[in-house]
Amino acid sequence: MSDFTELVGRYLASWNETDQAARRAALDEIWTADAVYIDPMVSVEGRDAIDAVIGAVHAQFPGLVFTLVGAVDEHHDLARFQWGLGPAGAEPIVVGFDVAVRVDGRISTVHGFLDKVPTA
């Protein structure tokens, strides 16, 4: 397993962390201070804003978990990977695709895309 694959695993684990203090500690380790997260629904800068986005996802989808779908494809300081959000051990109800940029061993930017979203 590469360092970037391990970093992506920690990134997804931070999205699953429901304890706000533990999540924030993870974000401080994983993300650069000037981190940017962008997807079709939100564009934010900084760890505080990323933490708030994750908290909002927990509020909207309580009890659901993020899982890695397939392998992390990486080169240089870029990685792309597909993830699912759904009940543990079940088919994801949301599927997305992220591209992460790494700077000095931390994630600096994530560009997110949504491939499958629930209707209504």
PDB file of N, CA and C in Angstrom:
ATOM      1  N   MET A   1       0.848  -1.171   0.000  1.00  0.00           N
ATOM      2  CA  MET A   1       0.000   0.000   0.000  1.00  0.00           C
ATOM      3  C   MET A   1       0.900   1.243   0.000  1.00  0.00           C
ATOM      4  N   SER A   2       0.546   2.197  -0.841  1.00  0.00           N
ATOM      5  CA  SER A   2       1.346   3.421  -0.916  1.00  0.00           C
ATOM      6  C   SER A   2       0.966   4.388   0.209  1.00  0.00           C
ATOM      7  N   ASP A   3       1.821   5.349   0.420  1.00  0.00           N
ATOM      8  CA  ASP A   3       1.520   6.395   1.400  1.00  0.00           C
ATOM      9  C   ASP A   3       0.254   7.147   1.026  1.00  0.00           C
ATOM     10  N   PHE A   4       0.062   7.371  -0.281  1.00  0.00           N
ATOM     11  CA  PHE A   4      -1.127   8.121  -0.716  1.00  0.00           C
ATOM     12  C   PHE A   4      -2.392   7.291  -0.509  1.00  0.00           C
ATOM     13  N   THR A   5      -2.321   5.992  -0.758  1.00  0.00           N
ATOM     14  CA  THR A   5      -3.477   5.128  -0.509  1.00  0.00           C
ATOM     15  C   THR A   5      -3.831   5.140   0.974  1.00  0.00           C
ATOM     16  N   GLU A   6      -2.823   5.111   1.821  1.00  0.00           N
ATOM     17  CA  GLU A   6      -3.062   5.180   3.268  1.00  0.00           C
ATOM     18  C   GLU A   6      -3.675   6.536   3.637  1.00  0.00           C
ATOM     19  N   LEU A   7      -3.204   7.611   3.018  1.00  0.00           N
ATOM     20  CA  LEU A   7      -3.749   8.944   3.283  1.00  0.00           C
ATOM     21  C   LEU A   7      -5.208   9.034   2.854  1.00  0.00           C
ATOM     22  N   VAL A   8      -5.550   8.448   1.724  1.00  0.00           N
ATOM     23  CA  VAL A   8      -6.944   8.416   1.270  1.00  0.00           C
ATOM     24  C   VAL A   8      -7.800   7.623   2.268  1.00  0.00           C
ATOM     25  N   GLY A   9      -7.281   6.528   2.783  1.00  0.00           N
ATOM     26  CA  GLY A   9      -8.011   5.769   3.806  1.00  0.00           C
ATOM     27  C   GLY A   9      -8.285   6.606   5.043  1.00  0.00           C
ATOM     28  N   ARG A  10      -7.287   7.370   5.475  1.00  0.00           N
ATOM     29  CA  ARG A  10      -7.469   8.260   6.627  1.00  0.00           C
ATOM     30  C   ARG A  10      -8.454   9.377   6.300  1.00  0.00           C
ATOM     31  N   TYR A  11      -8.414   9.876   5.078  1.00  0.00           N
ATOM     32  CA  TYR A  11      -9.359  10.898   4.616  1.00  0.00           C
ATOM     33  C   TYR A  11     -10.795  10.381   4.728  1.00  0.00           C
ATOM     34  N   LEU A  12     -11.044   9.183   4.197  1.00  0.00           N
ATOM     35  CA  LEU A  12     -12.398   8.618   4.279  1.00  0.00           C
ATOM     36  C   LEU A  12     -12.790   8.331   5.724  1.00  0.00           C
ATOM     37  N   ALA A  13     -11.858   7.863   6.539  1.00  0.00           N
ATOM     38  CA  ALA A  13     -12.145   7.616   7.952  1.00  0.00           C
ATOM     39  C   ALA A  13     -12.549   8.911   8.654  1.00  0.00           C
ATOM     40  N   SER A  14     -11.942  10.030   8.259  1.00  0.00           N
ATOM     41  CA  SER A  14     -12.320  11.309   8.877  1.00  0.00           C
ATOM     42  C   SER A  14     -13.756  11.679   8.538  1.00  0.00           C
ATOM     43  N   TRP A  15     -14.209  11.302   7.361  1.00  0.00           N
ATOM     44  CA  TRP A  15     -15.606  11.557   6.995  1.00  0.00           C
ATOM     45  C   TRP A  15     -16.563  10.678   7.811  1.00  0.00           C
ATOM     46  N   ASN A  16     -16.071   9.548   8.317  1.00  0.00           N
ATOM     47  CA  ASN A  16     -16.903   8.663   9.130  1.00  0.00           C
ATOM     48  C   ASN A  16     -16.848   8.989  10.621  1.00  0.00           C
ATOM     49  N   GLU A  17     -15.929   9.829  11.020  1.00  0.00           N
ATOM     50  CA  GLU A  17     -15.742  10.127  12.445  1.00  0.00           C
ATOM     51  C   GLU A  17     -16.891  11.002  12.956  1.00  0.00           C
ATOM     52  N   THR A  18     -17.646  10.484  13.929  1.00  0.00           N
ATOM     53  CA  THR A  18     -18.781  11.230  14.476  1.00  0.00           C
ATOM     54  C   THR A  18     -18.418  12.067  15.695  1.00  0.00           C
ATOM     55  N   ASP A  19     -17.314  11.729  16.352  1.00  0.00           N
ATOM     56  CA  ASP A  19     -16.859  12.544  17.476  1.00  0.00           C
ATOM     57  C   ASP A  19     -16.144  13.771  16.914  1.00  0.00           C
ATOM     58  N   GLN A  20     -16.702  14.950  17.162  1.00  0.00           N
ATOM     59  CA  GLN A  20     -16.199  16.172  16.540  1.00  0.00           C
ATOM     60  C   GLN A  20     -14.750  16.456  16.917  1.00  0.00           C
ATOM     61  N   ALA A  21     -14.366  16.255  18.164  1.00  0.00           N
ATOM     62  CA  ALA A  21     -12.989  16.523  18.583  1.00  0.00           C
ATOM     63  C   ALA A  21     -12.011  15.557  17.898  1.00  0.00           C
ATOM     64  N   ALA A  22     -12.376  14.292  17.816  1.00  0.00           N
ATOM     65  CA  ALA A  22     -11.523  13.312  17.148  1.00  0.00           C
ATOM     66  C   ALA A  22     -11.440  13.603  15.649  1.00  0.00           C
ATOM     67  N   ARG A  23     -12.570  13.994  15.071  1.00  0.00           N
ATOM     68  CA  ARG A  23     -12.576  14.326  13.648  1.00  0.00           C
ATOM     69  C   ARG A  23     -11.668  15.527  13.382  1.00  0.00           C
ATOM     70  N   ARG A  24     -11.781  16.544  14.208  1.00  0.00           N
ATOM     71  CA  ARG A  24     -10.958  17.735  14.009  1.00  0.00           C
ATOM     72  C   ARG A  24      -9.469  17.405  14.142  1.00  0.00           C
ATOM     73  N   ALA A  25      -9.119  16.561  15.089  1.00  0.00           N
ATOM     74  CA  ALA A  25      -7.722  16.152  15.236  1.00  0.00           C
ATOM     75  C   ALA A  25      -7.250  15.438  13.968  1.00  0.00           C
ATOM     76  N   ALA A  26      -8.087  14.592  13.415  1.00  0.00           N
ATOM     77  CA  ALA A  26      -7.738  13.892  12.172  1.00  0.00           C
ATOM     78  C   ALA A  26      -7.580  14.879  11.023  1.00  0.00           C
ATOM     79  N   LEU A  27      -8.486  15.838  10.925  1.00  0.00           N
ATOM     80  CA  LEU A  27      -8.399  16.830   9.852  1.00  0.00           C
ATOM     81  C   LEU A  27      -7.111  17.632   9.946  1.00  0.00           C
ATOM     82  N   ASP A  28      -6.708  17.967  11.159  1.00  0.00           N
ATOM     83  CA  ASP A  28      -5.467  18.716  11.355  1.00  0.00           C
ATOM     84  C   ASP A  28      -4.252  17.923  10.885  1.00  0.00           C
ATOM     85  N   GLU A  29      -4.311  16.600  10.982  1.00  0.00           N
ATOM     86  CA  GLU A  29      -3.204  15.749  10.541  1.00  0.00           C
ATOM     87  C   GLU A  29      -3.239  15.498   9.039  1.00  0.00           C
ATOM     88  N   ILE A  30      -4.417  15.412   8.468  1.00  0.00           N
ATOM     89  CA  ILE A  30      -4.587  14.993   7.075  1.00  0.00           C
ATOM     90  C   ILE A  30      -4.484  16.156   6.090  1.00  0.00           C
ATOM     91  N   TRP A  31      -5.046  17.296   6.440  1.00  0.00           N
ATOM     92  CA  TRP A  31      -5.173  18.431   5.523  1.00  0.00           C
ATOM     93  C   TRP A  31      -4.120  19.504   5.790  1.00  0.00           C
ATOM     94  N   THR A  32      -3.721  20.223   4.744  1.00  0.00           N
ATOM     95  CA  THR A  32      -2.893  21.411   4.908  1.00  0.00           C
ATOM     96  C   THR A  32      -3.744  22.513   5.540  1.00  0.00           C
ATOM     97  N   ALA A  33      -3.096  23.510   6.110  1.00  0.00           N
ATOM     98  CA  ALA A  33      -3.823  24.596   6.778  1.00  0.00           C
ATOM     99  C   ALA A  33      -4.712  25.369   5.809  1.00  0.00           C
ATOM    100  N   ASP A  34      -4.286  25.502   4.561  1.00  0.00           N
ATOM    101  CA  ASP A  34      -5.053  26.269   3.571  1.00  0.00           C
ATOM    102  C   ASP A  34      -5.853  25.359   2.641  1.00  0.00           C
ATOM    103  N   ALA A  35      -6.274  24.214   3.143  1.00  0.00           N
ATOM    104  CA  ALA A  35      -6.960  23.192   2.354  1.00  0.00           C
ATOM    105  C   ALA A  35      -8.226  23.731   1.688  1.00  0.00           C
ATOM    106  N   VAL A  36      -8.537  23.122   0.538  1.00  0.00           N
ATOM    107  CA  VAL A  36      -9.742  23.473  -0.217  1.00  0.00           C
ATOM    108  C   VAL A  36     -10.488  22.185  -0.535  1.00  0.00           C
ATOM    109  N   TYR A  37     -11.813  22.204  -0.313  1.00  0.00           N
ATOM    110  CA  TYR A  37     -12.683  21.089  -0.677  1.00  0.00           C
ATOM    111  C   TYR A  37     -13.781  21.640  -1.588  1.00  0.00           C
ATOM    112  N   ILE A  38     -13.939  21.018  -2.753  1.00  0.00           N
ATOM    113  CA  ILE A  38     -14.927  21.473  -3.734  1.00  0.00           C
ATOM    114  C   ILE A  38     -15.694  20.263  -4.242  1.00  0.00           C
ATOM    115  N   ASP A  39     -17.019  20.351  -4.230  1.00  0.00           N
ATOM    116  CA  ASP A  39     -17.850  19.361  -4.908  1.00  0.00           C
ATOM    117  C   ASP A  39     -19.040  20.115  -5.509  1.00  0.00           C
ATOM    118  N   PRO A  40     -19.970  19.442  -6.185  1.00  0.00           N
ATOM    119  CA  PRO A  40     -21.057  20.169  -6.835  1.00  0.00           C
ATOM    120  C   PRO A  40     -21.958  20.968  -5.881  1.00  0.00           C
ATOM    121  N   MET A  41     -21.904  20.652  -4.595  1.00  0.00           N
ATOM    122  CA  MET A  41     -22.807  21.298  -3.651  1.00  0.00           C
ATOM    123  C   MET A  41     -22.137  22.333  -2.765  1.00  0.00           C
ATOM    124  N   VAL A  42     -20.791  22.327  -2.695  1.00  0.00           N
ATOM    125  CA  VAL A  42     -20.104  23.207  -1.756  1.00  0.00           C
ATOM    126  C   VAL A  42     -18.676  23.471  -2.233  1.00  0.00           C
ATOM    127  N   SER A  43     -18.181  24.635  -1.870  1.00  0.00           N
ATOM    128  CA  SER A  43     -16.781  24.984  -2.100  1.00  0.00           C
ATOM    129  C   SER A  43     -16.312  25.722  -0.853  1.00  0.00           C
ATOM    130  N   VAL A  44     -15.362  25.110  -0.122  1.00  0.00           N
ATOM    131  CA  VAL A  44     -14.924  25.701   1.142  1.00  0.00           C
ATOM    132  C   VAL A  44     -13.403  25.689   1.231  1.00  0.00           C
ATOM    133  N   GLU A  45     -12.894  26.565   2.089  1.00  0.00           N
ATOM    134  CA  GLU A  45     -11.463  26.652   2.314  1.00  0.00           C
ATOM    135  C   GLU A  45     -11.187  26.619   3.810  1.00  0.00           C
ATOM    136  N   GLY A  46     -10.190  25.837   4.191  1.00  0.00           N
ATOM    137  CA  GLY A  46      -9.762  25.750   5.584  1.00  0.00           C
ATOM    138  C   GLY A  46     -10.355  24.553   6.297  1.00  0.00           C
ATOM    139  N   ARG A  47      -9.626  24.113   7.314  1.00  0.00           N
ATOM    140  CA  ARG A  47     -10.047  22.928   8.076  1.00  0.00           C
ATOM    141  C   ARG A  47     -11.358  23.143   8.818  1.00  0.00           C
ATOM    142  N   ASP A  48     -11.589  24.351   9.340  1.00  0.00           N
ATOM    143  CA  ASP A  48     -12.850  24.610  10.043  1.00  0.00           C
ATOM    144  C   ASP A  48     -14.037  24.402   9.109  1.00  0.00           C
ATOM    145  N   ALA A  49     -13.924  24.922   7.898  1.00  0.00           N
ATOM    146  CA  ALA A  49     -15.022  24.813   6.940  1.00  0.00           C
ATOM    147  C   ALA A  49     -15.214  23.366   6.484  1.00  0.00           C
ATOM    148  N   ILE A  50     -14.118  22.647   6.288  1.00  0.00           N
ATOM    149  CA  ILE A  50     -14.218  21.238   5.910  1.00  0.00           C
ATOM    150  C   ILE A  50     -14.881  20.444   7.035  1.00  0.00           C
ATOM    151  N   ASP A  51     -14.520  20.726   8.264  1.00  0.00           N
ATOM    152  CA  ASP A  51     -15.141  20.080   9.416  1.00  0.00           C
ATOM    153  C   ASP A  51     -16.639  20.350   9.442  1.00  0.00           C
ATOM    154  N   ALA A  52     -17.035  21.581   9.152  1.00  0.00           N
ATOM    155  CA  ALA A  52     -18.451  21.937   9.136  1.00  0.00           C
ATOM    156  C   ALA A  52     -19.199  21.181   8.036  1.00  0.00           C
ATOM    157  N   VAL A  53     -18.569  21.019   6.878  1.00  0.00           N
ATOM    158  CA  VAL A  53     -19.189  20.265   5.787  1.00  0.00           C
ATOM    159  C   VAL A  53     -19.406  18.817   6.213  1.00  0.00           C
ATOM    160  N   ILE A  54     -18.396  18.214   6.815  1.00  0.00           N
ATOM    161  CA  ILE A  54     -18.533  16.822   7.267  1.00  0.00           C
ATOM    162  C   ILE A  54     -19.629  16.703   8.315  1.00  0.00           C
ATOM    163  N   GLY A  55     -19.685  17.651   9.245  1.00  0.00           N
ATOM    164  CA  GLY A  55     -20.758  17.651  10.245  1.00  0.00           C
ATOM    165  C   GLY A  55     -22.133  17.743   9.605  1.00  0.00           C
ATOM    166  N   ALA A  56     -22.256  18.556   8.567  1.00  0.00           N
ATOM    167  CA  ALA A  56     -23.537  18.689   7.860  1.00  0.00           C
ATOM    168  C   ALA A  56     -23.909  17.386   7.154  1.00  0.00           C
ATOM    169  N   VAL A  57     -22.921  16.686   6.599  1.00  0.00           N
ATOM    170  CA  VAL A  57     -23.191  15.395   5.956  1.00  0.00           C
ATOM    171  C   VAL A  57     -23.683  14.392   6.997  1.00  0.00           C
ATOM    172  N   HIS A  58     -23.079  14.401   8.183  1.00  0.00           N
ATOM    173  CA  HIS A  58     -23.554  13.508   9.250  1.00  0.00           C
ATOM    174  C   HIS A  58     -24.993  13.829   9.639  1.00  0.00           C
ATOM    175  N   ALA A  59     -25.331  15.103   9.678  1.00  0.00           N
ATOM    176  CA  ALA A  59     -26.697  15.498  10.031  1.00  0.00           C
ATOM    177  C   ALA A  59     -27.688  15.065   8.949  1.00  0.00           C
ATOM    178  N   GLN A  60     -27.284  15.156   7.689  1.00  0.00           N
ATOM    179  CA  GLN A  60     -28.168  14.796   6.582  1.00  0.00           C
ATOM    180  C   GLN A  60     -28.287  13.287   6.395  1.00  0.00           C
ATOM    181  N   PHE A  61     -27.207  12.566   6.678  1.00  0.00           N
ATOM    182  CA  PHE A  61     -27.171  11.116   6.455  1.00  0.00           C
ATOM    183  C   PHE A  61     -26.719  10.384   7.718  1.00  0.00           C
ATOM    184  N   PRO A  62     -27.482  10.486   8.810  1.00  0.00           N
ATOM    185  CA  PRO A  62     -27.041   9.868  10.070  1.00  0.00           C
ATOM    186  C   PRO A  62     -26.897   8.353   9.944  1.00  0.00           C
ATOM    187  N   GLY A  63     -25.800   7.845  10.499  1.00  0.00           N
ATOM    188  CA  GLY A  63     -25.577   6.407  10.542  1.00  0.00           C
ATOM    189  C   GLY A  63     -24.982   5.817   9.279  1.00  0.00           C
ATOM    190  N   LEU A  64     -24.858   6.600   8.212  1.00  0.00           N
ATOM    191  CA  LEU A  64     -24.283   6.068   6.981  1.00  0.00           C
ATOM    192  C   LEU A  64     -22.766   6.216   7.028  1.00  0.00           C
ATOM    193  N   VAL A  65     -22.077   5.368   6.269  1.00  0.00           N
ATOM    194  CA  VAL A  65     -20.618   5.384   6.291  1.00  0.00           C
ATOM    195  C   VAL A  65     -20.059   5.478   4.877  1.00  0.00           C
ATOM    196  N   PHE A  66     -18.886   6.115   4.797  1.00  0.00           N
ATOM    197  CA  PHE A  66     -18.143   6.196   3.550  1.00  0.00           C
ATOM    198  C   PHE A  66     -17.220   4.994   3.434  1.00  0.00           C
ATOM    199  N   THR A  67     -17.161   4.416   2.238  1.00  0.00           N
ATOM    200  CA  THR A  67     -16.247   3.305   1.971  1.00  0.00           C
ATOM    201  C   THR A  67     -15.533   3.568   0.652  1.00  0.00           C
ATOM    202  N   LEU A  68     -14.348   3.057   0.536  1.00  0.00           N
ATOM    203  CA  LEU A  68     -13.594   3.137  -0.707  1.00  0.00           C
ATOM    204  C   LEU A  68     -14.156   2.094  -1.671  1.00  0.00           C
ATOM    205  N   VAL A  69     -14.416   2.509  -2.896  1.00  0.00           N
ATOM    206  CA  VAL A  69     -14.915   1.604  -3.930  1.00  0.00           C
ATOM    207  C   VAL A  69     -13.789   1.419  -4.939  1.00  0.00           C
ATOM    208  N   GLY A  70     -13.154   0.267  -4.908  1.00  0.00           N
ATOM    209  CA  GLY A  70     -12.043   0.027  -5.820  1.00  0.00           C
ATOM    210  C   GLY A  70     -10.729   0.536  -5.264  1.00  0.00           C
ATOM    211  N   ALA A  71      -9.754   0.603  -6.140  1.00  0.00           N
ATOM    212  CA  ALA A  71      -8.404   0.993  -5.749  1.00  0.00           C
ATOM    213  C   ALA A  71      -8.185   2.490  -5.951  1.00  0.00           C
ATOM    214  N   VAL A  72      -7.219   3.016  -5.231  1.00  0.00           N
ATOM    215  CA  VAL A  72      -6.794   4.397  -5.412  1.00  0.00           C
ATOM    216  C   VAL A  72      -5.831   4.423  -6.596  1.00  0.00           C
ATOM    217  N   ASP A  73      -6.117   5.284  -7.560  1.00  0.00           N
ATOM    218  CA  ASP A  73      -5.248   5.467  -8.727  1.00  0.00           C
ATOM    219  C   ASP A  73      -4.446   6.734  -8.479  1.00  0.00           C
ATOM    220  N   GLU A  74      -3.128   6.625  -8.480  1.00  0.00           N
ATOM    221  CA  GLU A  74      -2.312   7.778  -8.127  1.00  0.00           C
ATOM    222  C   GLU A  74      -1.096   7.904  -9.016  1.00  0.00           C
ATOM    223  N   HIS A  75      -0.644   9.111  -9.148  1.00  0.00           N
ATOM    224  CA  HIS A  75       0.663   9.402  -9.724  1.00  0.00           C
ATOM    225  C   HIS A  75       1.101  10.761  -9.223  1.00  0.00           C
ATOM    226  N   HIS A  76       2.398  10.907  -9.062  1.00  0.00           N
ATOM    227  CA  HIS A  76       2.990  12.125  -8.524  1.00  0.00           C
ATOM    228  C   HIS A  76       2.273  12.495  -7.227  1.00  0.00           C
ATOM    229  N   ASP A  77       1.688  13.648  -7.155  1.00  0.00           N
ATOM    230  CA  ASP A  77       0.965  14.054  -5.944  1.00  0.00           C
ATOM    231  C   ASP A  77      -0.529  14.192  -6.197  1.00  0.00           C
ATOM    232  N   LEU A  78      -1.060  13.336  -7.079  1.00  0.00           N
ATOM    233  CA  LEU A  78      -2.480  13.303  -7.401  1.00  0.00           C
ATOM    234  C   LEU A  78      -3.028  11.905  -7.159  1.00  0.00           C
ATOM    235  N   ALA A  79      -4.255  11.844  -6.681  1.00  0.00           N
ATOM    236  CA  ALA A  79      -4.928  10.550  -6.535  1.00  0.00           C
ATOM    237  C   ALA A  79      -6.396  10.718  -6.918  1.00  0.00           C
ATOM    238  N   ARG A  80      -6.910   9.691  -7.558  1.00  0.00           N
ATOM    239  CA  ARG A  80      -8.349   9.664  -7.834  1.00  0.00           C
ATOM    240  C   ARG A  80      -8.900   8.362  -7.271  1.00  0.00           C
ATOM    241  N   PHE A  81     -10.108   8.456  -6.759  1.00  0.00           N
ATOM    242  CA  PHE A  81     -10.703   7.278  -6.129  1.00  0.00           C
ATOM    243  C   PHE A  81     -12.206   7.445  -6.063  1.00  0.00           C
ATOM    244  N   GLN A  82     -12.898   6.320  -6.077  1.00  0.00           N
ATOM    245  CA  GLN A  82     -14.343   6.311  -5.967  1.00  0.00           C
ATOM    246  C   GLN A  82     -14.726   5.882  -4.561  1.00  0.00           C
ATOM    247  N   TRP A  83     -15.784   6.478  -4.049  1.00  0.00           N
ATOM    248  CA  TRP A  83     -16.261   6.156  -2.711  1.00  0.00           C
ATOM    249  C   TRP A  83     -17.773   5.947  -2.764  1.00  0.00           C
ATOM    250  N   GLY A  84     -18.278   5.254  -1.752  1.00  0.00           N
ATOM    251  CA  GLY A  84     -19.710   5.066  -1.601  1.00  0.00           C
ATOM    252  C   GLY A  84     -20.132   5.514  -0.218  1.00  0.00           C
ATOM    253  N   LEU A  85     -21.365   5.975  -0.107  1.00  0.00           N
ATOM    254  CA  LEU A  85     -21.965   6.352   1.175  1.00  0.00           C
ATOM    255  C   LEU A  85     -23.260   5.571   1.326  1.00  0.00           C
ATOM    256  N   GLY A  86     -23.329   4.795   2.405  1.00  0.00           N
ATOM    257  CA  GLY A  86     -24.534   4.007   2.635  1.00  0.00           C
ATOM    258  C   GLY A  86     -24.454   3.298   3.967  1.00  0.00           C
ATOM    259  N   PRO A  87     -25.453   2.463   4.247  1.00  0.00           N
ATOM    260  CA  PRO A  87     -25.411   1.678   5.479  1.00  0.00           C
ATOM    261  C   PRO A  87     -24.202   0.735   5.455  1.00  0.00           C
ATOM    262  N   ALA A  88     -23.588   0.514   6.595  1.00  0.00           N
ATOM    263  CA  ALA A  88     -22.427  -0.375   6.679  1.00  0.00           C
ATOM    264  C   ALA A  88     -22.760  -1.741   6.091  1.00  0.00           C
ATOM    265  N   GLY A  89     -21.929  -2.215   5.176  1.00  0.00           N
ATOM    266  CA  GLY A  89     -22.100  -3.529   4.586  1.00  0.00           C
ATOM    267  C   GLY A  89     -23.172  -3.627   3.519  1.00  0.00           C
ATOM    268  N   ALA A  90     -23.795  -2.516   3.152  1.00  0.00           N
ATOM    269  CA  ALA A  90     -24.871  -2.535   2.166  1.00  0.00           C
ATOM    270  C   ALA A  90     -24.479  -1.711   0.939  1.00  0.00           C
ATOM    271  N   GLU A  91     -25.301  -1.800  -0.069  1.00  0.00           N
ATOM    272  CA  GLU A  91     -25.094  -1.031  -1.294  1.00  0.00           C
ATOM    273  C   GLU A  91     -25.137   0.467  -0.980  1.00  0.00           C
ATOM    274  N   PRO A  92     -24.171   1.229  -1.468  1.00  0.00           N
ATOM    275  CA  PRO A  92     -24.185   2.679  -1.221  1.00  0.00           C
ATOM    276  C   PRO A  92     -25.387   3.350  -1.884  1.00  0.00           C
ATOM    277  N   ILE A  93     -25.915   4.359  -1.218  1.00  0.00           N
ATOM    278  CA  ILE A  93     -27.001   5.135  -1.821  1.00  0.00           C
ATOM    279  C   ILE A  93     -26.455   6.360  -2.553  1.00  0.00           C
ATOM    280  N   VAL A  94     -25.235   6.750  -2.212  1.00  0.00           N
ATOM    281  CA  VAL A  94     -24.536   7.830  -2.902  1.00  0.00           C
ATOM    282  C   VAL A  94     -23.178   7.281  -3.322  1.00  0.00           C
ATOM    283  N   VAL A  95     -22.765   7.600  -4.550  1.00  0.00           N
ATOM    284  CA  VAL A  95     -21.450   7.211  -5.044  1.00  0.00           C
ATOM    285  C   VAL A  95     -20.795   8.452  -5.615  1.00  0.00           C
ATOM    286  N   GLY A  96     -19.533   8.636  -5.271  1.00  0.00           N
ATOM    287  CA  GLY A  96     -18.806   9.791  -5.770  1.00  0.00           C
ATOM    288  C   GLY A  96     -17.406   9.429  -6.192  1.00  0.00           C
ATOM    289  N   PHE A  97     -16.755  10.408  -6.761  1.00  0.00           N
ATOM    290  CA  PHE A  97     -15.410  10.251  -7.290  1.00  0.00           C
ATOM    291  C   PHE A  97     -14.633  11.485  -6.884  1.00  0.00           C
ATOM    292  N   ASP A  98     -13.518  11.319  -6.216  1.00  0.00           N
ATOM    293  CA  ASP A  98     -12.714  12.456  -5.766  1.00  0.00           C
ATOM    294  C   ASP A  98     -11.331  12.418  -6.408  1.00  0.00           C
ATOM    295  N   VAL A  99     -10.791  13.608  -6.602  1.00  0.00           N
ATOM    296  CA  VAL A  99      -9.406  13.783  -7.014  1.00  0.00           C
ATOM    297  C   VAL A  99      -8.740  14.605  -5.918  1.00  0.00           C
ATOM    298  N   ALA A 100      -7.708  14.042  -5.316  1.00  0.00           N
ATOM    299  CA  ALA A 100      -7.011  14.703  -4.214  1.00  0.00           C
ATOM    300  C   ALA A 100      -5.615  15.131  -4.660  1.00  0.00           C
ATOM    301  N   VAL A 101      -5.217  16.297  -4.173  1.00  0.00           N
ATOM    302  CA  VAL A 101      -3.885  16.830  -4.420  1.00  0.00           C
ATOM    303  C   VAL A 101      -3.131  16.800  -3.097  1.00  0.00           C
ATOM    304  N   ARG A 102      -1.910  16.274  -3.134  1.00  0.00           N
ATOM    305  CA  ARG A 102      -1.102  16.153  -1.928  1.00  0.00           C
ATOM    306  C   ARG A 102       0.061  17.149  -1.990  1.00  0.00           C
ATOM    307  N   VAL A 103       0.281  17.831  -0.866  1.00  0.00           N
ATOM    308  CA  VAL A 103       1.413  18.746  -0.717  1.00  0.00           C
ATOM    309  C   VAL A 103       2.105  18.418   0.603  1.00  0.00           C
ATOM    310  N   ASP A 104       3.376  18.116   0.545  1.00  0.00           N
ATOM    311  CA  ASP A 104       4.153  17.819   1.752  1.00  0.00           C
ATOM    312  C   ASP A 104       3.496  16.758   2.632  1.00  0.00           C
ATOM    313  N   GLY A 105       2.939  15.719   1.999  1.00  0.00           N
ATOM    314  CA  GLY A 105       2.371  14.597   2.740  1.00  0.00           C
ATOM    315  C   GLY A 105       0.953  14.786   3.241  1.00  0.00           C
ATOM    316  N   ARG A 106       0.362  15.934   2.970  1.00  0.00           N
ATOM    317  CA  ARG A 106      -1.022  16.201   3.397  1.00  0.00           C
ATOM    318  C   ARG A 106      -1.877  16.540   2.192  1.00  0.00           C
ATOM    319  N   ILE A 107      -3.170  16.410   2.353  1.00  0.00           N
ATOM    320  CA  ILE A 107      -4.104  16.773   1.288  1.00  0.00           C
ATOM    321  C   ILE A 107      -4.266  18.289   1.284  1.00  0.00           C
ATOM    322  N   SER A 108      -4.090  18.878   0.110  1.00  0.00           N
ATOM    323  CA  SER A 108      -4.280  20.326  -0.006  1.00  0.00           C
ATOM    324  C   SER A 108      -5.599  20.670  -0.672  1.00  0.00           C
ATOM    325  N   THR A 109      -6.036  19.826  -1.600  1.00  0.00           N
ATOM    326  CA  THR A 109      -7.273  20.090  -2.338  1.00  0.00           C
ATOM    327  C   THR A 109      -7.958  18.780  -2.669  1.00  0.00           C
ATOM    328  N   VAL A 110      -9.280  18.776  -2.570  1.00  0.00           N
ATOM    329  CA  VAL A 110     -10.080  17.665  -3.072  1.00  0.00           C
ATOM    330  C   VAL A 110     -11.140  18.242  -3.994  1.00  0.00           C
ATOM    331  N   HIS A 111     -11.189  17.692  -5.207  1.00  0.00           N
ATOM    332  CA  HIS A 111     -12.231  18.011  -6.176  1.00  0.00           C
ATOM    333  C   HIS A 111     -13.168  16.806  -6.198  1.00  0.00           C
ATOM    334  N   GLY A 112     -14.403  16.992  -5.762  1.00  0.00           N
ATOM    335  CA  GLY A 112     -15.344  15.891  -5.665  1.00  0.00           C
ATOM    336  C   GLY A 112     -16.401  15.935  -6.752  1.00  0.00           C
ATOM    337  N   PHE A 113     -16.798  14.757  -7.201  1.00  0.00           N
ATOM    338  CA  PHE A 113     -17.848  14.608  -8.199  1.00  0.00           C
ATOM    339  C   PHE A 113     -18.856  13.598  -7.669  1.00  0.00           C
ATOM    340  N   LEU A 114     -20.123  13.813  -7.957  1.00  0.00           N
ATOM    341  CA  LEU A 114     -21.177  12.901  -7.523  1.00  0.00           C
ATOM    342  C   LEU A 114     -21.661  12.108  -8.728  1.00  0.00           C
ATOM    343  N   ASP A 115     -21.534  10.785  -8.645  1.00  0.00           N
ATOM    344  CA  ASP A 115     -21.923   9.915  -9.731  1.00  0.00           C
ATOM    345  C   ASP A 115     -23.329   9.331  -9.556  1.00  0.00           C
ATOM    346  N   LYS A 116     -23.713   9.127  -8.318  1.00  0.00           N
ATOM    347  CA  LYS A 116     -25.024   8.539  -8.021  1.00  0.00           C
ATOM    348  C   LYS A 116     -25.571   9.236  -6.788  1.00  0.00           C
ATOM    349  N   VAL A 117     -26.748   9.835  -6.909  1.00  0.00           N
ATOM    350  CA  VAL A 117     -27.389  10.491  -5.770  1.00  0.00           C
ATOM    351  C   VAL A 117     -28.842  10.024  -5.696  1.00  0.00           C
ATOM    352  N   PRO A 118     -29.385   9.975  -4.484  1.00  0.00           N
ATOM    353  CA  PRO A 118     -30.787   9.542  -4.361  1.00  0.00           C
ATOM    354  C   PRO A 118     -31.714  10.585  -4.963  1.00  0.00           C
ATOM    355  N   THR A 119     -32.800  10.103  -5.526  1.00  0.00           N
ATOM    356  CA  THR A 119     -33.829  11.016  -6.038  1.00  0.00           C
ATOM    357  C   THR A 119     -34.814  11.323  -4.922  1.00  0.00           C
ATOM    358  N   ALA A 120     -35.245  12.547  -4.919  1.00  0.00           N
ATOM    359  CA  ALA A 120     -36.209  13.048  -3.915  1.00  0.00           C
ATOM    360  C   ALA A 120     -35.746  12.729  -2.582  1.00  0.00           C
TER     361      ALA A 120
END
